[in-house]
Amino acid sequence: MKLSRPVSWFLLAFGVWSWVIWISFVKNLVKDSSGLAFDDGHPTAYFFVHLTLAVVSFVLGTVVGGIGLRGLRALSRTSRAS
């Protein structure tokens, strides 16, 4: 299956966006002082649930971005061969 250039760029941008957003989210989660993420210095269920969401989003962002990157590389090879 061939991906178009705009779709490949979108997938790559989505992957990068996922990493940027979730990294800042995890930083804020670790620094949380509202009592949601930590209770007397111990992580709460809220912390673990949101950390799991972040890890899954990192993995999905990496996979989706990788597909976009592979699509762009394939298009580059095709245009050079022509």
PDB file of N, CA and C in Angstrom:
ATOM      1  N   MET A   1       0.837  -1.172   0.000  1.00  0.00           N
ATOM      2  CA  MET A   1       0.000   0.000   0.000  1.00  0.00           C
ATOM      3  C   MET A   1       0.884   1.238   0.000  1.00  0.00           C
ATOM      4  N   LYS A   2       0.563   2.180  -0.834  1.00  0.00           N
ATOM      5  CA  LYS A   2       1.313   3.430  -0.884  1.00  0.00           C
ATOM      6  C   LYS A   2       0.548   4.522  -0.146  1.00  0.00           C
ATOM      7  N   LEU A   3       1.290   5.296   0.597  1.00  0.00           N
ATOM      8  CA  LEU A   3       0.705   6.456   1.269  1.00  0.00           C
ATOM      9  C   LEU A   3       1.042   7.703   0.464  1.00  0.00           C
ATOM     10  N   SER A   4       0.111   8.622   0.405  1.00  0.00           N
ATOM     11  CA  SER A   4       0.403   9.885  -0.279  1.00  0.00           C
ATOM     12  C   SER A   4       1.317  10.737   0.599  1.00  0.00           C
ATOM     13  N   ARG A   5       1.934  11.715   0.007  1.00  0.00           N
ATOM     14  CA  ARG A   5       2.824  12.604   0.758  1.00  0.00           C
ATOM     15  C   ARG A   5       2.080  13.325   1.890  1.00  0.00           C
ATOM     16  N   PRO A   6       0.882  13.903   1.623  1.00  0.00           N
ATOM     17  CA  PRO A   6       0.177  14.572   2.730  1.00  0.00           C
ATOM     18  C   PRO A   6      -0.192  13.623   3.878  1.00  0.00           C
ATOM     19  N   VAL A   7      -0.602  12.409   3.550  1.00  0.00           N
ATOM     20  CA  VAL A   7      -0.958  11.450   4.599  1.00  0.00           C
ATOM     21  C   VAL A   7       0.284  11.062   5.397  1.00  0.00           C
ATOM     22  N   SER A   8       1.392  10.841   4.701  1.00  0.00           N
ATOM     23  CA  SER A   8       2.643  10.492   5.396  1.00  0.00           C
ATOM     24  C   SER A   8       3.070  11.608   6.335  1.00  0.00           C
ATOM     25  N   TRP A   9       2.995  12.848   5.871  1.00  0.00           N
ATOM     26  CA  TRP A   9       3.360  13.986   6.729  1.00  0.00           C
ATOM     27  C   TRP A   9       2.417  14.096   7.925  1.00  0.00           C
ATOM     28  N   PHE A  10       1.123  13.866   7.678  1.00  0.00           N
ATOM     29  CA  PHE A  10       0.151  13.924   8.773  1.00  0.00           C
ATOM     30  C   PHE A  10       0.474  12.884   9.839  1.00  0.00           C
ATOM     31  N   LEU A  11       0.759  11.652   9.413  1.00  0.00           N
ATOM     32  CA  LEU A  11       1.073  10.592  10.368  1.00  0.00           C
ATOM     33  C   LEU A  11       2.341  10.902  11.154  1.00  0.00           C
ATOM     34  N   LEU A  12       3.354  11.413  10.462  1.00  0.00           N
ATOM     35  CA  LEU A  12       4.589  11.786  11.150  1.00  0.00           C
ATOM     36  C   LEU A  12       4.337  12.915  12.144  1.00  0.00           C
ATOM     37  N   ALA A  13       3.584  13.921  11.722  1.00  0.00           N
ATOM     38  CA  ALA A  13       3.270  15.048  12.608  1.00  0.00           C
ATOM     39  C   ALA A  13       2.453  14.584  13.807  1.00  0.00           C
ATOM     40  N   PHE A  14       1.527  13.654  13.582  1.00  0.00           N
ATOM     41  CA  PHE A  14       0.728  13.120  14.686  1.00  0.00           C
ATOM     42  C   PHE A  14       1.607  12.403  15.704  1.00  0.00           C
ATOM     43  N   GLY A  15       2.578  11.640  15.212  1.00  0.00           N
ATOM     44  CA  GLY A  15       3.502  10.948  16.110  1.00  0.00           C
ATOM     45  C   GLY A  15       4.323  11.905  16.950  1.00  0.00           C
ATOM     46  N   VAL A  16       4.830  12.932  16.309  1.00  0.00           N
ATOM     47  CA  VAL A  16       5.620  13.944  17.032  1.00  0.00           C
ATOM     48  C   VAL A  16       4.734  14.679  18.031  1.00  0.00           C
ATOM     49  N   TRP A  17       3.541  15.057  17.604  1.00  0.00           N
ATOM     50  CA  TRP A  17       2.589  15.755  18.473  1.00  0.00           C
ATOM     51  C   TRP A  17       2.275  14.916  19.712  1.00  0.00           C
ATOM     52  N   SER A  18       2.067  13.619  19.528  1.00  0.00           N
ATOM     53  CA  SER A  18       1.782  12.742  20.664  1.00  0.00           C
ATOM     54  C   SER A  18       2.914  12.779  21.682  1.00  0.00           C
ATOM     55  N   TRP A  19       4.139  12.719  21.208  1.00  0.00           N
ATOM     56  CA  TRP A  19       5.280  12.755  22.119  1.00  0.00           C
ATOM     57  C   TRP A  19       5.356  14.097  22.844  1.00  0.00           C
ATOM     58  N   VAL A  20       5.188  15.190  22.136  1.00  0.00           N
ATOM     59  CA  VAL A  20       5.297  16.518  22.768  1.00  0.00           C
ATOM     60  C   VAL A  20       4.226  16.693  23.846  1.00  0.00           C
ATOM     61  N   ILE A  21       2.994  16.362  23.505  1.00  0.00           N
ATOM     62  CA  ILE A  21       1.884  16.543  24.444  1.00  0.00           C
ATOM     63  C   ILE A  21       2.028  15.645  25.667  1.00  0.00           C
ATOM     64  N   TRP A  22       2.329  14.368  25.457  1.00  0.00           N
ATOM     65  CA  TRP A  22       2.358  13.440  26.578  1.00  0.00           C
ATOM     66  C   TRP A  22       3.598  13.608  27.444  1.00  0.00           C
ATOM     67  N   ILE A  23       4.705  14.059  26.874  1.00  0.00           N
ATOM     68  CA  ILE A  23       5.876  14.347  27.715  1.00  0.00           C
ATOM     69  C   ILE A  23       5.550  15.477  28.685  1.00  0.00           C
ATOM     70  N   SER A  24       4.916  16.539  28.176  1.00  0.00           N
ATOM     71  CA  SER A  24       4.568  17.645  29.079  1.00  0.00           C
ATOM     72  C   SER A  24       3.519  17.191  30.097  1.00  0.00           C
ATOM     73  N   PHE A  25       2.608  16.313  29.684  1.00  0.00           N
ATOM     74  CA  PHE A  25       1.613  15.803  30.625  1.00  0.00           C
ATOM     75  C   PHE A  25       2.269  15.007  31.751  1.00  0.00           C
ATOM     76  N   VAL A  26       3.203  14.128  31.400  1.00  0.00           N
ATOM     77  CA  VAL A  26       3.877  13.310  32.421  1.00  0.00           C
ATOM     78  C   VAL A  26       4.687  14.200  33.364  1.00  0.00           C
ATOM     79  N   LYS A  27       5.355  15.222  32.816  1.00  0.00           N
ATOM     80  CA  LYS A  27       6.092  16.156  33.684  1.00  0.00           C
ATOM     81  C   LYS A  27       5.152  16.809  34.687  1.00  0.00           C
ATOM     82  N   ASN A  28       3.981  17.246  34.209  1.00  0.00           N
ATOM     83  CA  ASN A  28       3.008  17.866  35.113  1.00  0.00           C
ATOM     84  C   ASN A  28       2.432  16.854  36.095  1.00  0.00           C
ATOM     85  N   LEU A  29       2.251  15.631  35.651  1.00  0.00           N
ATOM     86  CA  LEU A  29       1.727  14.586  36.538  1.00  0.00           C
ATOM     87  C   LEU A  29       2.689  14.311  37.690  1.00  0.00           C
ATOM     88  N   VAL A  30       3.972  14.247  37.377  1.00  0.00           N
ATOM     89  CA  VAL A  30       4.978  13.978  38.408  1.00  0.00           C
ATOM     90  C   VAL A  30       5.078  15.139  39.396  1.00  0.00           C
ATOM     91  N   LYS A  31       4.878  16.365  38.910  1.00  0.00           N
ATOM     92  CA  LYS A  31       4.970  17.546  39.779  1.00  0.00           C
ATOM     93  C   LYS A  31       3.650  17.884  40.465  1.00  0.00           C
ATOM     94  N   ASP A  32       2.627  17.062  40.298  1.00  0.00           N
ATOM     95  CA  ASP A  32       1.296  17.354  40.821  1.00  0.00           C
ATOM     96  C   ASP A  32       1.331  17.579  42.331  1.00  0.00           C
ATOM     97  N   SER A  33       0.740  18.676  42.736  1.00  0.00           N
ATOM     98  CA  SER A  33       0.674  18.970  44.173  1.00  0.00           C
ATOM     99  C   SER A  33      -0.769  19.070  44.663  1.00  0.00           C
ATOM    100  N   SER A  34      -1.721  18.698  43.798  1.00  0.00           N
ATOM    101  CA  SER A  34      -3.129  18.813  44.188  1.00  0.00           C
ATOM    102  C   SER A  34      -3.603  17.637  45.032  1.00  0.00           C
ATOM    103  N   GLY A  35      -2.806  16.585  45.110  1.00  0.00           N
ATOM    104  CA  GLY A  35      -3.207  15.423  45.878  1.00  0.00           C
ATOM    105  C   GLY A  35      -3.835  14.327  45.036  1.00  0.00           C
ATOM    106  N   LEU A  36      -4.039  14.594  43.752  1.00  0.00           N
ATOM    107  CA  LEU A  36      -4.617  13.567  42.889  1.00  0.00           C
ATOM    108  C   LEU A  36      -3.612  12.458  42.572  1.00  0.00           C
ATOM    109  N   ALA A  37      -2.393  12.856  42.200  1.00  0.00           N
ATOM    110  CA  ALA A  37      -1.387  11.883  41.758  1.00  0.00           C
ATOM    111  C   ALA A  37      -0.623  11.251  42.918  1.00  0.00           C
ATOM    112  N   PHE A  38      -0.498  11.994  43.991  1.00  0.00           N
ATOM    113  CA  PHE A  38       0.269  11.475  45.137  1.00  0.00           C
ATOM    114  C   PHE A  38      -0.493  11.750  46.425  1.00  0.00           C
ATOM    115  N   ASP A  39      -0.480  10.761  47.293  1.00  0.00           N
ATOM    116  CA  ASP A  39      -1.109  10.902  48.601  1.00  0.00           C
ATOM    117  C   ASP A  39      -0.037  10.598  49.644  1.00  0.00           C
ATOM    118  N   ASP A  40       0.382  11.606  50.372  1.00  0.00           N
ATOM    119  CA  ASP A  40       1.478  11.489  51.340  1.00  0.00           C
ATOM    120  C   ASP A  40       2.747  10.936  50.699  1.00  0.00           C
ATOM    121  N   GLY A  41       3.022  11.371  49.482  1.00  0.00           N
ATOM    122  CA  GLY A  41       4.237  10.970  48.789  1.00  0.00           C
ATOM    123  C   GLY A  41       4.152   9.647  48.051  1.00  0.00           C
ATOM    124  N   HIS A  42       2.998   8.970  48.159  1.00  0.00           N
ATOM    125  CA  HIS A  42       2.831   7.681  47.489  1.00  0.00           C
ATOM    126  C   HIS A  42       1.930   7.858  46.267  1.00  0.00           C
ATOM    127  N   PRO A  43       2.286   7.225  45.140  1.00  0.00           N
ATOM    128  CA  PRO A  43       1.453   7.346  43.938  1.00  0.00           C
ATOM    129  C   PRO A  43       0.054   6.765  44.166  1.00  0.00           C
ATOM    130  N   THR A  44      -0.922   7.414  43.583  1.00  0.00           N
ATOM    131  CA  THR A  44      -2.312   6.969  43.702  1.00  0.00           C
ATOM    132  C   THR A  44      -2.727   6.218  42.432  1.00  0.00           C
ATOM    133  N   ALA A  45      -3.955   5.690  42.457  1.00  0.00           N
ATOM    134  CA  ALA A  45      -4.500   5.015  41.273  1.00  0.00           C
ATOM    135  C   ALA A  45      -4.582   6.000  40.102  1.00  0.00           C
ATOM    136  N   TYR A  46      -4.920   7.250  40.389  1.00  0.00           N
ATOM    137  CA  TYR A  46      -4.968   8.292  39.358  1.00  0.00           C
ATOM    138  C   TYR A  46      -3.622   8.396  38.644  1.00  0.00           C
ATOM    139  N   PHE A  47      -2.541   8.373  39.402  1.00  0.00           N
ATOM    140  CA  PHE A  47      -1.201   8.456  38.830  1.00  0.00           C
ATOM    141  C   PHE A  47      -0.937   7.282  37.903  1.00  0.00           C
ATOM    142  N   PHE A  48      -1.229   6.063  38.366  1.00  0.00           N
ATOM    143  CA  PHE A  48      -0.941   4.872  37.565  1.00  0.00           C
ATOM    144  C   PHE A  48      -1.805   4.799  36.307  1.00  0.00           C
ATOM    145  N   VAL A  49      -3.054   5.178  36.419  1.00  0.00           N
ATOM    146  CA  VAL A  49      -3.937   5.179  35.243  1.00  0.00           C
ATOM    147  C   VAL A  49      -3.418   6.158  34.202  1.00  0.00           C
ATOM    148  N   HIS A  50      -3.068   7.351  34.631  1.00  0.00           N
ATOM    149  CA  HIS A  50      -2.616   8.361  33.679  1.00  0.00           C
ATOM    150  C   HIS A  50      -1.210   8.071  33.157  1.00  0.00           C
ATOM    151  N   LEU A  51      -0.387   7.461  33.957  1.00  0.00           N
ATOM    152  CA  LEU A  51       0.924   7.043  33.467  1.00  0.00           C
ATOM    153  C   LEU A  51       0.768   5.945  32.411  1.00  0.00           C
ATOM    154  N   THR A  52      -0.166   5.033  32.631  1.00  0.00           N
ATOM    155  CA  THR A  52      -0.451   3.987  31.636  1.00  0.00           C
ATOM    156  C   THR A  52      -0.963   4.600  30.334  1.00  0.00           C
ATOM    157  N   LEU A  53      -1.859   5.573  30.443  1.00  0.00           N
ATOM    158  CA  LEU A  53      -2.347   6.269  29.245  1.00  0.00           C
ATOM    159  C   LEU A  53      -1.198   6.928  28.486  1.00  0.00           C
ATOM    160  N   ALA A  54      -0.290   7.537  29.211  1.00  0.00           N
ATOM    161  CA  ALA A  54       0.849   8.203  28.576  1.00  0.00           C
ATOM    162  C   ALA A  54       1.756   7.197  27.875  1.00  0.00           C
ATOM    163  N   VAL A  55       2.039   6.079  28.525  1.00  0.00           N
ATOM    164  CA  VAL A  55       2.907   5.067  27.924  1.00  0.00           C
ATOM    165  C   VAL A  55       2.271   4.496  26.655  1.00  0.00           C
ATOM    166  N   VAL A  56       0.983   4.190  26.704  1.00  0.00           N
ATOM    167  CA  VAL A  56       0.282   3.690  25.518  1.00  0.00           C
ATOM    168  C   VAL A  56       0.317   4.741  24.406  1.00  0.00           C
ATOM    169  N   SER A  57       0.139   6.000  24.753  1.00  0.00           N
ATOM    170  CA  SER A  57       0.185   7.066  23.753  1.00  0.00           C
ATOM    171  C   SER A  57       1.580   7.238  23.172  1.00  0.00           C
ATOM    172  N   PHE A  58       2.620   7.051  23.987  1.00  0.00           N
ATOM    173  CA  PHE A  58       3.989   7.081  23.457  1.00  0.00           C
ATOM    174  C   PHE A  58       4.183   5.973  22.428  1.00  0.00           C
ATOM    175  N   VAL A  59       3.716   4.775  22.762  1.00  0.00           N
ATOM    176  CA  VAL A  59       3.872   3.638  21.844  1.00  0.00           C
ATOM    177  C   VAL A  59       3.093   3.880  20.551  1.00  0.00           C
ATOM    178  N   LEU A  60       1.836   4.279  20.677  1.00  0.00           N
ATOM    179  CA  LEU A  60       1.029   4.532  19.484  1.00  0.00           C
ATOM    180  C   LEU A  60       1.588   5.686  18.656  1.00  0.00           C
ATOM    181  N   GLY A  61       2.030   6.741  19.313  1.00  0.00           N
ATOM    182  CA  GLY A  61       2.627   7.861  18.596  1.00  0.00           C
ATOM    183  C   GLY A  61       3.882   7.442  17.846  1.00  0.00           C
ATOM    184  N   THR A  62       4.671   6.580  18.461  1.00  0.00           N
ATOM    185  CA  THR A  62       5.884   6.080  17.814  1.00  0.00           C
ATOM    186  C   THR A  62       5.535   5.235  16.589  1.00  0.00           C
ATOM    187  N   VAL A  63       4.556   4.352  16.743  1.00  0.00           N
ATOM    188  CA  VAL A  63       4.152   3.483  15.631  1.00  0.00           C
ATOM    189  C   VAL A  63       3.567   4.306  14.485  1.00  0.00           C
ATOM    190  N   VAL A  64       2.651   5.209  14.803  1.00  0.00           N
ATOM    191  CA  VAL A  64       2.016   6.028  13.768  1.00  0.00           C
ATOM    192  C   VAL A  64       3.045   6.924  13.086  1.00  0.00           C
ATOM    193  N   GLY A  65       3.922   7.552  13.875  1.00  0.00           N
ATOM    194  CA  GLY A  65       4.978   8.384  13.300  1.00  0.00           C
ATOM    195  C   GLY A  65       5.936   7.572  12.442  1.00  0.00           C
ATOM    196  N   GLY A  66       6.232   6.345  12.876  1.00  0.00           N
ATOM    197  CA  GLY A  66       7.101   5.470  12.091  1.00  0.00           C
ATOM    198  C   GLY A  66       6.483   5.104  10.751  1.00  0.00           C
ATOM    199  N   ILE A  67       5.179   4.870  10.737  1.00  0.00           N
ATOM    200  CA  ILE A  67       4.493   4.586   9.471  1.00  0.00           C
ATOM    201  C   ILE A  67       4.583   5.796   8.547  1.00  0.00           C
ATOM    202  N   GLY A  68       4.377   6.977   9.095  1.00  0.00           N
ATOM    203  CA  GLY A  68       4.498   8.193   8.290  1.00  0.00           C
ATOM    204  C   GLY A  68       5.899   8.378   7.742  1.00  0.00           C
ATOM    205  N   LEU A  69       6.903   8.114   8.570  1.00  0.00           N
ATOM    206  CA  LEU A  69       8.294   8.248   8.139  1.00  0.00           C
ATOM    207  C   LEU A  69       8.612   7.241   7.041  1.00  0.00           C
ATOM    208  N   ARG A  70       8.155   6.009   7.215  1.00  0.00           N
ATOM    209  CA  ARG A  70       8.376   4.993   6.182  1.00  0.00           C
ATOM    210  C   ARG A  70       7.684   5.388   4.884  1.00  0.00           C
ATOM    211  N   GLY A  71       6.496   5.973   4.975  1.00  0.00           N
ATOM    212  CA  GLY A  71       5.789   6.437   3.777  1.00  0.00           C
ATOM    213  C   GLY A  71       6.568   7.516   3.057  1.00  0.00           C
ATOM    214  N   LEU A  72       7.131   8.459   3.806  1.00  0.00           N
ATOM    215  CA  LEU A  72       7.922   9.530   3.189  1.00  0.00           C
ATOM    216  C   LEU A  72       9.196   8.984   2.556  1.00  0.00           C
ATOM    217  N   ARG A  73       9.842   8.035   3.220  1.00  0.00           N
ATOM    218  CA  ARG A  73      11.058   7.432   2.659  1.00  0.00           C
ATOM    219  C   ARG A  73      10.752   6.671   1.380  1.00  0.00           C
ATOM    220  N   ALA A  74       9.639   5.960   1.356  1.00  0.00           N
ATOM    221  CA  ALA A  74       9.261   5.215   0.157  1.00  0.00           C
ATOM    222  C   ALA A  74       8.962   6.175  -0.995  1.00  0.00           C
ATOM    223  N   LEU A  75       8.296   7.269  -0.693  1.00  0.00           N
ATOM    224  CA  LEU A  75       8.013   8.258  -1.739  1.00  0.00           C
ATOM    225  C   LEU A  75       9.305   8.877  -2.256  1.00  0.00           C
ATOM    226  N   SER A  76      10.260   9.106  -1.364  1.00  0.00           N
ATOM    227  CA  SER A  76      11.559   9.678  -1.752  1.00  0.00           C
ATOM    228  C   SER A  76      12.312   8.724  -2.676  1.00  0.00           C
ATOM    229  N   ARG A  77      12.319   7.440  -2.335  1.00  0.00           N
ATOM    230  CA  ARG A  77      12.995   6.433  -3.174  1.00  0.00           C
ATOM    231  C   ARG A  77      12.314   6.334  -4.541  1.00  0.00           C
ATOM    232  N   THR A  78      10.983   6.390  -4.566  1.00  0.00           N
ATOM    233  CA  THR A  78      10.229   6.289  -5.809  1.00  0.00           C
ATOM    234  C   THR A  78      10.525   7.490  -6.707  1.00  0.00           C
ATOM    235  N   SER A  79      10.590   8.689  -6.115  1.00  0.00           N
ATOM    236  CA  SER A  79      10.840   9.885  -6.930  1.00  0.00           C
ATOM    237  C   SER A  79      12.274   9.917  -7.453  1.00  0.00           C
ATOM    238  N   ARG A  80      13.219   9.359  -6.694  1.00  0.00           N
ATOM    239  CA  ARG A  80      14.616   9.303  -7.159  1.00  0.00           C
ATOM    240  C   ARG A  80      14.782   8.287  -8.290  1.00  0.00           C
ATOM    241  N   ALA A  81      14.012   7.208  -8.227  1.00  0.00           N
ATOM    242  CA  ALA A  81      14.136   6.152  -9.247  1.00  0.00           C
ATOM    243  C   ALA A  81      13.524   6.595 -10.581  1.00  0.00           C
ATOM    244  N   SER A  82      12.601   7.545 -10.549  1.00  0.00           N
ATOM    245  CA  SER A  82      11.943   7.968 -11.793  1.00  0.00           C
ATOM    246  C   SER A  82      12.765   8.950 -12.578  1.00  0.00           C
TER     247      SER A  82
END
